[in-house]
């Protein structure tokens, strides 16, 4: 009898310039080191493919986006020092040189490392039944990237309660705090997420990359320091955009009353 081939934990589908990445590890889409390395490989390929503009990351099924770190793997000896791939846990949150937007389509529970993946995304669309929380402190570990990101995204006392005490946020509250762009029905989740991706694709690719670079490189700086960096010539994507054919095409198309034809150069 021939054994069935193992089902990949990560599947991808490209629809023109949009790459959809689905985490599929029943029952809870938990992530071990091997899965994280595969996600890193997928997102590195997305970064390096000039024909891809936006990525959507979601989970299989309708209950879990991701339960985060695979605690069965942890109990078996997998630890923080293991290799989780170039992009860090989840594949893209620490990926060098990624200047393309990633949208999280949150189809259910995003807990622990699953919530950290959501926090790393550029935009987030959540199903109405989505839930977010960080149980790490109660497990004797820490949500390391969330401990960096969340206090910059929420009021301090709210971030502290989520981090220290495992406060759970439903989709509506997450949207009120600015962690989620839109809350939609489960049936509409991918429709609305794909529509958001399509709106980004309409923009000039070099402009999106430049904005991404400016945001990442200046977020830690005071305003004056950010302006100085912006004018320093050190931001490669920004400088490329300034002298690009697309920078001339946009105003020309506007004055001619037509849609621009972006070349990405």
Protein backbone atom coordinates (compact mmCIF):
# COMPACT_ATOMS: atom_id res chain seq x y z
CA UNK A 1 0.00 0.00 0.00
CA UNK A 2 1.32 3.43 -0.95
CA UNK A 3 1.37 5.96 1.87
CA UNK A 4 -0.44 9.23 1.25
CA UNK A 5 1.83 12.24 0.79
CA UNK A 6 1.83 14.58 3.79
CA UNK A 7 -0.40 17.62 3.49
CA UNK A 8 1.67 20.83 3.43
CA UNK A 9 1.28 22.98 6.53
CA UNK A 10 1.48 26.12 4.37
CA UNK A 11 -0.26 26.54 1.02
CA UNK A 12 -0.07 29.44 -1.40
CA UNK A 13 -2.15 30.70 -4.31
CA UNK A 14 -1.17 33.65 -6.49
CA UNK A 15 -3.98 35.65 -8.06
CA UNK A 16 -2.13 38.07 -10.29
CA UNK A 17 -0.10 40.34 -8.01
CA UNK A 18 -1.73 39.08 -4.80
CA UNK A 19 -0.31 36.07 -2.94
CA UNK A 20 -2.61 34.24 -0.53
CA UNK A 21 -0.83 32.25 2.18
CA UNK A 22 -2.87 29.78 4.23
CA UNK A 23 -1.65 28.12 7.41
CA UNK A 24 -3.18 24.65 7.60
CA UNK A 25 -2.14 22.59 10.65
CA UNK A 26 -5.17 20.96 12.24
CA UNK A 27 -6.57 21.33 14.79
CA UNK A 28 -5.48 24.84 15.76
CA UNK A 29 -3.01 26.01 13.09
CA UNK A 30 -0.24 26.03 15.69
CA UNK A 31 3.26 26.75 14.42
CA UNK A 32 6.39 24.73 15.12
CA UNK A 33 9.88 25.66 13.99
CA UNK A 34 9.62 23.76 10.70
CA UNK A 35 6.35 25.48 9.82
CA UNK A 36 7.79 28.87 10.70
CA UNK A 37 10.79 28.22 8.47
CA UNK A 38 8.42 27.32 5.64
CA UNK A 39 6.48 30.56 6.20
CA UNK A 40 9.79 32.44 6.09
CA UNK A 41 10.64 30.78 2.79
CA UNK A 42 7.24 31.70 1.37
CA UNK A 43 7.46 35.34 2.45
CA UNK A 44 11.07 35.69 1.28
CA UNK A 45 9.97 34.46 -2.15
CA UNK A 46 7.09 36.96 -2.04
CA UNK A 47 9.56 39.74 -1.15
CA UNK A 48 11.83 38.83 -4.05
CA UNK A 49 9.18 38.35 -6.77
CA UNK A 50 8.66 41.65 -8.64
CA UNK A 51 5.29 40.46 -9.95
CA UNK A 52 3.80 40.08 -6.46
CA UNK A 53 2.55 43.21 -4.73
CA UNK A 54 0.49 42.21 -1.68
CA UNK A 55 0.28 39.11 0.51
CA UNK A 56 -2.72 37.87 2.47
CA UNK A 57 -2.11 35.49 5.36
CA UNK A 58 -4.96 33.49 6.89
CA UNK A 59 -5.71 30.19 8.59
CA UNK A 60 -7.54 27.15 7.32
CA UNK A 61 -10.97 26.45 8.78
CA UNK A 62 -13.28 28.82 10.60
CA UNK A 63 -12.20 28.43 14.22
CA UNK A 64 -8.48 29.22 14.47
CA UNK A 65 -6.38 31.79 12.67
CA UNK A 66 -3.48 30.39 14.67
CA UNK A 67 -3.00 29.15 18.21
CA UNK A 68 0.59 30.38 18.00
CA UNK A 69 3.58 28.40 19.15
CA UNK A 70 3.03 24.64 19.00
CA UNK A 71 3.18 23.73 22.70
CA UNK A 72 3.43 20.03 21.85
CA UNK A 73 6.65 20.83 20.00
CA UNK A 74 7.76 22.93 22.96
CA UNK A 75 7.07 20.08 25.36
CA UNK A 76 9.14 17.88 23.07
CA UNK A 77 12.17 20.12 23.45
CA UNK A 78 11.72 22.86 20.86
CA UNK A 79 12.75 26.19 22.36
CA UNK A 80 13.26 29.89 21.75
CA UNK A 81 16.78 29.23 20.48
CA UNK A 82 15.55 27.08 17.58
CA UNK A 83 15.72 28.32 14.01
CA UNK A 84 12.36 29.86 13.11
CA UNK A 85 13.53 31.17 9.76
CA UNK A 86 14.83 34.40 8.29
CA UNK A 87 11.57 36.21 8.98
CA UNK A 88 11.28 35.15 12.62
CA UNK A 89 8.29 33.37 14.09
CA UNK A 90 5.45 33.40 11.56
CA UNK A 91 7.65 34.17 8.60
CA UNK A 92 7.47 37.91 7.92
CA UNK A 93 7.53 40.02 11.09
CA UNK A 94 11.33 40.27 11.12
CA UNK A 95 12.02 39.62 7.44
CA UNK A 96 14.77 41.96 6.16
CA UNK A 97 13.97 44.06 3.13
CA UNK A 98 10.24 43.34 3.03
CA UNK A 99 8.69 46.52 1.62
CA UNK A 100 5.39 45.02 0.48
CA UNK A 101 2.16 45.01 2.53
CA UNK A 102 0.94 41.89 4.30
CA UNK A 103 -2.75 41.71 5.21
CA UNK A 104 -3.93 39.34 7.96
CA UNK A 105 -7.36 37.84 7.31
CA UNK A 106 -8.25 36.68 10.80
CA UNK A 107 -10.74 33.83 10.45
CA UNK A 108 -10.99 32.94 14.14
CA UNK A 109 -8.91 32.77 17.31
CA UNK A 110 -5.50 34.46 17.17
CA UNK A 111 -3.78 33.49 20.40
CA UNK A 112 -0.16 33.85 21.53
CA UNK A 113 2.10 33.74 18.51
CA UNK A 114 -0.98 33.88 16.28
CA UNK A 115 -1.80 37.28 17.77
CA UNK A 116 1.84 38.29 17.24
CA UNK A 117 1.49 37.49 13.53
CA UNK A 118 -1.57 39.76 13.40
CA UNK A 119 0.39 42.54 15.12
CA UNK A 120 3.16 42.20 12.54
CA UNK A 121 0.76 42.59 9.60
CA UNK A 122 0.37 45.94 7.85
CA UNK A 123 -3.43 45.68 7.71
CA UNK A 124 -5.95 43.42 9.42
CA UNK A 125 -9.44 42.27 8.45
CA UNK A 126 -11.18 40.17 11.10
CA UNK A 127 -14.23 37.96 11.11
CA UNK A 128 -16.83 38.91 13.70
CA UNK A 129 -16.04 35.84 15.81
CA UNK A 130 -12.27 36.48 15.91
CA UNK A 131 -10.65 36.70 19.34
CA UNK A 132 -7.18 37.88 20.36
CA UNK A 133 -5.15 37.21 23.49
CA UNK A 134 -1.67 36.49 24.87
CA UNK A 135 -1.51 33.69 27.48
CA UNK A 136 2.30 33.48 27.63
CA UNK A 137 2.80 34.97 31.09
CA UNK A 138 0.51 32.29 32.55
CA UNK A 139 2.65 29.64 30.84
CA UNK A 140 5.96 30.85 32.24
CA UNK A 141 7.17 32.38 28.96
CA UNK A 142 6.85 35.76 27.25
CA UNK A 143 5.25 37.03 24.02
CA UNK A 144 8.51 38.63 22.94
CA UNK A 145 7.55 40.46 19.75
CA UNK A 146 4.15 41.44 21.19
CA UNK A 147 5.95 42.88 24.22
CA UNK A 148 7.69 45.24 21.79
CA UNK A 149 4.81 46.00 19.43
CA UNK A 150 1.70 46.11 21.59
CA UNK A 151 2.76 48.96 23.95
CA UNK A 152 3.33 51.08 20.84
CA UNK A 153 -0.16 50.32 19.55
CA UNK A 154 -2.39 50.45 22.64
CA UNK A 155 -2.74 52.77 25.65
CA UNK A 156 -0.23 51.58 28.27
CA UNK A 157 -2.76 50.27 30.80
CA UNK A 158 -4.60 48.28 28.14
CA UNK A 159 -1.40 46.84 26.70
CA UNK A 160 -0.26 45.91 30.19
CA UNK A 161 -3.48 44.06 30.96
CA UNK A 162 -3.27 42.13 27.69
CA UNK A 163 0.40 41.27 28.28
CA UNK A 164 0.41 40.61 32.04
CA UNK A 165 -3.08 39.32 32.69
CA UNK A 166 -4.13 37.75 29.39
CA UNK A 167 -7.02 40.12 28.72
CA UNK A 168 -8.99 38.88 25.73
CA UNK A 169 -10.11 41.20 22.96
CA UNK A 170 -12.99 40.42 20.65
CA UNK A 171 -12.95 41.67 17.08
CA UNK A 172 -15.05 44.76 17.78
CA UNK A 173 -12.84 45.88 20.68
CA UNK A 174 -9.69 45.21 18.68
CA UNK A 175 -11.08 47.48 15.98
CA UNK A 176 -11.89 50.20 18.53
CA UNK A 177 -8.29 50.15 19.72
CA UNK A 178 -7.00 50.39 16.15
CA UNK A 179 -5.62 46.85 15.90
CA UNK A 180 -8.07 45.88 13.15
CA UNK A 181 -9.06 47.79 10.00
CA UNK A 182 -12.44 46.12 9.47
CA UNK A 183 -14.71 43.56 11.10
CA UNK A 184 -16.86 41.56 8.70
CA UNK A 185 -18.94 38.41 8.64
CA UNK A 186 -17.09 35.14 8.29
CA UNK A 187 -18.62 34.68 4.84
CA UNK A 188 -17.31 38.05 3.71
CA UNK A 189 -13.82 37.79 5.23
CA UNK A 190 -11.87 36.83 2.13
CA UNK A 191 -14.06 38.93 -0.17
CA UNK A 192 -13.34 42.06 1.84
CA UNK A 193 -9.66 41.21 2.32
CA UNK A 194 -9.17 40.65 -1.41
CA UNK A 195 -10.94 43.95 -2.12
CA UNK A 196 -8.52 45.73 0.23
CA UNK A 197 -5.57 44.07 -1.51
CA UNK A 198 -6.95 45.17 -4.88
CA UNK A 199 -7.06 48.80 -3.71
CA UNK A 200 -3.38 48.60 -2.75
CA UNK A 201 -2.51 47.06 -6.12
CA UNK A 202 -4.03 50.12 -7.80
CA UNK A 203 -1.34 52.29 -6.20
CA UNK A 204 2.15 52.68 -7.64
CA UNK A 205 4.39 49.85 -6.41
CA UNK A 206 7.40 52.07 -5.84
CA UNK A 207 5.27 54.50 -3.84
CA UNK A 208 4.00 51.72 -1.59
CA UNK A 209 7.56 50.45 -1.05
CA UNK A 210 8.79 53.98 -0.27
CA UNK A 211 6.01 54.59 2.25
CA UNK A 212 6.78 51.23 3.87
CA UNK A 213 10.47 52.13 4.12
CA UNK A 214 9.80 55.62 5.51
CA UNK A 215 7.46 54.18 8.14
CA UNK A 216 9.89 51.47 9.23
CA UNK A 217 12.99 53.64 9.29
CA UNK A 218 11.49 56.68 11.03
CA UNK A 219 9.06 55.22 13.59
CA UNK A 220 11.64 55.42 16.38
CA UNK A 221 12.75 58.96 15.53
CA UNK A 222 11.44 62.36 16.63
CA UNK A 223 9.77 64.31 13.84
CA UNK A 224 12.79 66.47 13.03
CA UNK A 225 15.08 63.46 12.97
CA UNK A 226 12.66 61.69 10.65
CA UNK A 227 12.67 64.63 8.24
CA UNK A 228 16.47 64.72 8.30
CA UNK A 229 16.64 61.01 7.43
CA UNK A 230 14.08 61.51 4.68
CA UNK A 231 16.26 64.20 3.06
CA UNK A 232 19.57 62.40 3.66
CA UNK A 233 19.51 60.22 0.54
CA UNK A 234 19.86 57.11 2.71
CA UNK A 235 16.38 55.69 2.03
CA UNK A 236 16.91 53.60 -1.09
CA UNK A 237 13.27 52.87 -1.92
CA UNK A 238 12.30 56.52 -1.44
CA UNK A 239 15.15 57.73 -3.64
CA UNK A 240 14.24 55.20 -6.35
CA UNK A 241 10.65 56.40 -6.31
CA UNK A 242 11.65 60.06 -6.70
CA UNK A 243 13.46 59.47 -10.02
CA UNK A 244 11.18 56.73 -11.35
CA UNK A 245 9.16 56.69 -14.55
CA UNK A 246 6.10 56.03 -12.37
CA UNK A 247 6.61 59.35 -10.55
CA UNK A 248 6.19 61.09 -13.91
CA UNK A 249 3.42 58.77 -15.10
CA UNK A 250 1.06 59.47 -12.20
CA UNK A 251 0.68 63.25 -12.73
CA UNK A 252 0.63 62.75 -16.50
CA UNK A 253 -2.21 60.21 -16.28
CA UNK A 254 -4.14 62.51 -13.95
CA UNK A 255 -3.93 65.48 -16.32
CA UNK A 256 -4.89 63.26 -19.26
CA UNK A 257 -7.90 61.86 -17.42
CA UNK A 258 -6.86 58.21 -17.60
CA UNK A 259 -5.74 55.44 -15.31
CA UNK A 260 -1.98 55.35 -14.75
CA UNK A 261 0.09 52.55 -16.24
CA UNK A 262 2.58 51.62 -13.52
CA UNK A 263 5.86 50.06 -14.64
CA UNK A 264 7.52 49.67 -11.25
CA UNK A 265 10.51 51.61 -12.46
